[in-house]
Protein backbone atom coordinates (compact mmCIF):
# COMPACT_ATOMS: atom_id res chain seq x y z
CA MET A 1 -16.75 -114.82 -77.79
CA GLU A 2 -16.34 -118.60 -78.91
CA ALA A 3 -13.61 -119.13 -81.39
CA ALA A 4 -12.89 -121.99 -83.38
CA PRO A 5 -9.31 -123.30 -83.46
CA ASP A 6 -6.93 -122.04 -86.06
CA GLU A 7 -7.36 -124.08 -89.27
CA ALA A 8 -6.35 -123.87 -93.05
CA SER A 9 -8.13 -121.55 -95.24
CA PRO A 10 -11.43 -122.78 -96.02
CA ASP A 11 -11.39 -121.27 -99.51
CA ALA A 12 -8.66 -123.94 -100.36
CA ALA A 13 -10.11 -126.71 -98.34
CA GLY A 14 -11.54 -129.45 -100.33
CA THR A 15 -11.82 -127.49 -103.58
CA GLY A 16 -8.65 -128.75 -105.15
CA VAL A 17 -7.27 -125.33 -105.49
CA PRO A 18 -3.62 -124.94 -104.06
CA GLU A 19 -3.62 -122.81 -100.97
CA ALA A 20 -0.86 -120.70 -102.46
CA SER A 21 -3.50 -119.25 -105.08
CA ILE A 22 -5.73 -118.18 -102.16
CA GLY A 23 -5.52 -114.69 -100.59
CA VAL A 24 -2.32 -112.94 -100.80
CA GLY A 25 1.67 -113.83 -100.69
CA PRO A 26 4.25 -111.96 -98.57
CA TRP A 27 3.99 -108.21 -98.35
CA GLU A 28 6.11 -106.66 -101.22
CA GLY A 29 8.15 -103.43 -100.30
CA THR A 30 8.34 -101.13 -97.42
CA LEU A 31 6.68 -102.90 -94.34
CA PRO A 32 3.62 -100.90 -93.26
CA GLU A 33 3.60 -99.34 -89.76
CA GLY A 34 0.88 -99.80 -87.22
CA ASP A 35 -0.26 -102.02 -84.24
CA HIS A 36 -2.86 -103.60 -86.33
CA TRP A 37 -0.47 -105.29 -88.80
CA ASP A 38 0.58 -108.95 -88.13
CA PRO A 39 4.35 -109.61 -88.57
CA GLN A 40 3.92 -113.33 -89.32
CA LEU A 41 1.15 -112.56 -92.15
CA LEU A 42 3.34 -109.78 -93.75
CA ALA A 43 6.01 -112.06 -93.98
CA ASP A 44 4.31 -115.49 -94.98
CA GLY A 45 1.18 -114.03 -96.86
CA ASP A 46 -2.41 -114.02 -95.79
CA ARG A 47 -4.52 -116.96 -96.82
CA ARG A 48 -7.47 -116.05 -94.67
CA ASN A 49 -11.13 -115.89 -95.55
CA VAL A 50 -11.25 -112.08 -95.10
CA THR A 51 -11.94 -109.33 -97.25
CA ASP A 52 -9.12 -107.20 -98.84
CA GLN A 53 -9.56 -104.57 -96.07
CA TYR A 54 -8.39 -106.88 -93.37
CA ARG A 55 -5.34 -108.73 -95.45
CA TYR A 56 -2.33 -108.84 -92.96
CA TRP A 57 -4.27 -107.63 -89.84
CA LYS A 58 -4.05 -109.26 -86.59
CA HIS A 59 -7.13 -111.30 -85.61
CA ASP A 60 -7.84 -109.12 -82.63
CA ALA A 61 -7.44 -105.98 -84.65
CA ILE A 62 -10.05 -107.35 -86.91
CA VAL A 63 -12.44 -108.13 -84.40
CA ALA A 64 -12.04 -104.74 -82.61
CA ASP A 65 -12.66 -102.94 -85.72
CA LEU A 66 -15.76 -105.09 -86.44
CA ASP A 67 -16.91 -104.37 -82.86
CA SER A 68 -16.81 -100.71 -83.32
CA ARG A 69 -19.49 -100.82 -86.16
CA ARG A 70 -21.82 -103.67 -85.49
CA HIS A 71 -25.34 -103.44 -86.27
CA ASN A 72 -28.18 -103.37 -83.86
CA PHE A 73 -29.67 -106.56 -84.65
CA HIS A 74 -29.02 -110.13 -83.13
CA VAL A 75 -29.56 -113.27 -84.67
CA ALA A 76 -30.69 -116.64 -82.64
CA ILE A 77 -31.10 -120.06 -83.69
CA GLU A 78 -32.55 -123.15 -81.82
CA ASN A 79 -30.38 -126.10 -81.62
CA TRP A 80 -32.19 -128.66 -79.97
CA GLN A 81 -30.80 -131.41 -82.62
CA HIS A 82 -27.63 -130.50 -83.43
CA ASP A 83 -28.79 -128.30 -86.54
CA LEU A 84 -26.26 -128.28 -89.40
CA ASN A 85 -27.32 -124.96 -90.46
CA ILE A 86 -25.84 -123.06 -87.83
CA GLY A 87 -22.66 -122.50 -89.42
CA SER A 88 -24.25 -121.18 -92.34
CA VAL A 89 -26.27 -118.74 -90.33
CA VAL A 90 -23.19 -117.67 -88.35
CA ARG A 91 -21.42 -117.01 -91.59
CA CYS A 92 -24.44 -114.85 -92.91
CA ALA A 93 -24.63 -112.99 -89.60
CA ASN A 94 -20.71 -112.21 -90.16
CA ALA A 95 -21.57 -110.90 -93.54
CA PHE A 96 -24.20 -108.67 -92.29
CA LEU A 97 -22.55 -107.61 -89.31
CA ALA A 98 -24.94 -108.74 -86.62
CA LYS A 99 -24.20 -107.70 -83.13
CA GLU A 100 -24.16 -111.18 -81.72
CA VAL A 101 -25.34 -114.79 -82.73
CA HIS A 102 -27.25 -116.74 -79.84
CA ILE A 103 -27.46 -120.70 -79.83
CA ILE A 104 -30.38 -121.52 -77.83
CA GLY A 105 -30.20 -125.41 -76.71
CA ARG A 106 -27.23 -127.47 -77.07
CA ARG A 107 -23.96 -125.78 -76.63
CA ARG A 108 -21.96 -127.48 -79.40
CA TRP A 109 -22.90 -126.76 -82.93
CA ASN A 110 -21.18 -127.78 -86.43
CA ARG A 111 -18.77 -125.03 -87.35
CA ARG A 112 -17.99 -126.38 -90.83
CA GLY A 113 -20.50 -124.27 -92.64
CA ALA A 114 -19.21 -121.01 -90.74
CA MET A 115 -16.10 -121.11 -92.99
CA VAL A 116 -13.89 -119.78 -89.85
CA THR A 117 -16.01 -116.63 -89.73
CA ASP A 118 -17.23 -117.64 -86.37
CA ARG A 119 -13.66 -116.29 -85.25
CA TYR A 120 -14.80 -112.81 -85.90
CA GLN A 121 -18.38 -113.15 -84.59
CA HIS A 122 -19.42 -112.89 -81.11
CA VAL A 123 -21.44 -116.21 -80.26
CA ARG A 124 -23.49 -116.39 -76.94
CA HIS A 125 -25.18 -119.63 -75.49
CA HIS A 126 -28.44 -119.83 -73.96
CA PRO A 127 -29.33 -123.39 -72.36
CA THR A 128 -32.98 -122.66 -72.33
CA VAL A 129 -35.62 -120.70 -74.09
CA GLU A 130 -36.43 -118.97 -70.67
CA ASP A 131 -32.88 -117.97 -70.35
CA PHE A 132 -32.80 -116.52 -74.02
CA VAL A 133 -36.07 -114.61 -73.49
CA ALA A 134 -34.92 -113.06 -70.03
CA TRP A 135 -31.77 -111.89 -71.67
CA ALA A 136 -33.44 -110.50 -74.66
CA GLN A 137 -35.75 -108.52 -72.50
CA GLY A 138 -33.02 -107.22 -70.33
CA GLU A 139 -31.20 -105.93 -73.18
CA GLY A 140 -34.42 -104.13 -74.35
CA LEU A 141 -34.63 -106.27 -77.57
CA ARG A 142 -37.72 -107.22 -79.60
CA ILE A 143 -37.87 -111.01 -80.29
CA ILE A 144 -38.88 -111.80 -83.87
CA GLY A 145 -39.56 -115.03 -84.95
CA ILE A 146 -39.14 -116.30 -88.52
CA ASP A 147 -41.29 -119.11 -89.48
CA ASN A 148 -44.41 -120.06 -91.21
CA PHE A 149 -47.37 -120.03 -88.72
CA PRO A 150 -50.83 -119.60 -89.13
CA ASP A 151 -50.64 -116.23 -87.39
CA SER A 152 -47.19 -115.17 -89.10
CA VAL A 153 -47.20 -111.79 -91.00
CA PRO A 154 -45.16 -111.02 -94.12
CA LEU A 155 -41.56 -110.01 -93.65
CA GLU A 156 -41.96 -108.19 -97.03
CA THR A 157 -44.34 -105.84 -95.35
CA TYR A 158 -43.42 -105.58 -91.64
CA ASP A 159 -41.39 -102.70 -90.22
CA LEU A 160 -38.52 -104.47 -88.78
CA PRO A 161 -37.73 -103.04 -85.45
CA GLU A 162 -33.82 -101.49 -85.07
CA ASN A 163 -33.13 -103.36 -81.83
CA ALA A 164 -34.40 -106.86 -82.51
CA VAL A 165 -33.18 -110.40 -82.16
CA LEU A 166 -34.20 -112.67 -85.29
CA VAL A 167 -34.88 -116.16 -84.16
CA PHE A 168 -34.74 -119.11 -86.58
CA GLY A 169 -35.84 -122.49 -85.74
CA GLN A 170 -33.95 -125.77 -86.71
CA GLU A 171 -34.45 -127.43 -89.98
CA GLY A 172 -37.60 -129.44 -89.85
CA PRO A 173 -39.54 -128.41 -86.77
CA GLY A 174 -39.03 -125.00 -86.92
CA LEU A 175 -39.55 -122.53 -83.89
CA THR A 176 -40.66 -124.23 -80.51
CA PRO A 177 -43.94 -123.20 -79.12
CA GLU A 178 -42.05 -121.28 -76.30
CA VAL A 179 -40.22 -119.06 -78.65
CA HIS A 180 -43.56 -118.52 -80.71
CA ALA A 181 -45.33 -117.42 -77.66
CA ALA A 182 -42.52 -115.18 -76.40
CA ALA A 183 -41.93 -113.47 -79.67
CA ASP A 184 -43.33 -109.84 -80.46
CA ALA A 185 -44.13 -111.14 -83.75
CA THR A 186 -43.61 -114.01 -86.19
CA LEU A 187 -42.82 -113.48 -89.67
CA SER A 188 -43.08 -115.68 -92.89
CA ILE A 189 -41.04 -115.30 -96.09
CA ALA A 190 -42.84 -115.31 -99.51
CA GLN A 191 -42.72 -118.31 -101.48
CA PHE A 192 -44.18 -118.93 -104.89
CA GLY A 193 -43.20 -122.72 -105.52
CA SER A 194 -44.10 -125.93 -104.55
CA THR A 195 -42.23 -126.31 -101.47
CA ARG A 196 -43.54 -125.90 -98.21
CA SER A 197 -40.48 -124.38 -96.57
CA ILE A 198 -36.98 -122.89 -97.37
CA ASN A 199 -33.45 -123.88 -95.83
CA ALA A 200 -33.17 -122.47 -92.50
CA SER A 201 -29.84 -120.63 -93.45
CA ALA A 202 -31.46 -119.12 -96.54
CA ALA A 203 -34.24 -117.85 -94.55
CA ALA A 204 -31.71 -116.12 -92.17
CA ALA A 205 -29.98 -114.61 -94.87
CA ILE A 206 -33.15 -113.21 -96.31
CA ALA A 207 -34.32 -111.85 -93.02
CA MET A 208 -31.01 -110.45 -92.18
CA HIS A 209 -30.94 -108.43 -95.53
CA ALA A 210 -34.27 -107.26 -95.03
CA TRP A 211 -32.83 -105.53 -91.72
CA ILE A 212 -30.25 -104.30 -93.62
CA ARG A 213 -32.39 -102.68 -96.42
CA ARG A 214 -34.65 -101.07 -93.60
CA HIS A 215 -32.07 -99.64 -91.30
CA VAL A 216 -28.66 -99.48 -93.31
CA PHE A 217 -30.02 -98.08 -96.45
CA ALA A 218 -32.96 -96.28 -94.79
CA GLN A 219 -35.32 -97.80 -97.20
CA PRO A 220 -39.08 -97.88 -95.72
CA VAL A 221 -40.82 -101.09 -96.15
CA GLY A 222 -42.80 -100.63 -99.60
CA ALA A 223 -40.88 -97.81 -100.93
CA ALA A 224 -40.39 -97.69 -104.57
CA GLY A 225 -36.84 -97.96 -105.90
CA PRO A 226 -34.94 -95.49 -108.08
């Protein structure tokens, strides 16, 4: 797993909000017992961008707990021109508990949008599309592209497979022809305004949530709500 270096809480950075008002202060009362607790955080407070469930936990303990319940979908994004959306995609992947995030192309990517969530998310690099496709096939994962192609089918009516890797192109050019050809299916997201496309990170969030609705809440596509 590629991890970003330790840094100040992104909640406080650049917002004008004092860091002391973010997160929680030192533990009050009798100290809890257990190997997952971080003595330094208990003593100084926890200002990290984590849910309350993980306050005062050691970093490795958080990752281990996430690993015990990660979902069966992966996320991949092409990075031929150092796409600035990758950080936001990683943040969404962490929120929806993707198994892994895959960077196809350049190894280096802008971590700012990840808001330090890449420290808790497994990130794998593939230098070429061929390497990525070989890996996905070896893992038995269906490659599902997300883009607006003439042969794309609506995400809203497509039955997303459980074991899949959702692939996104970079902002502007979208998916490369190589990924388009390798995909089991390419899905489009319904749009109703005047713009031709939506932001890559927004598309990633929509597609990941569609997988969550289908496989976590077990709601088949097209099923009526309560």
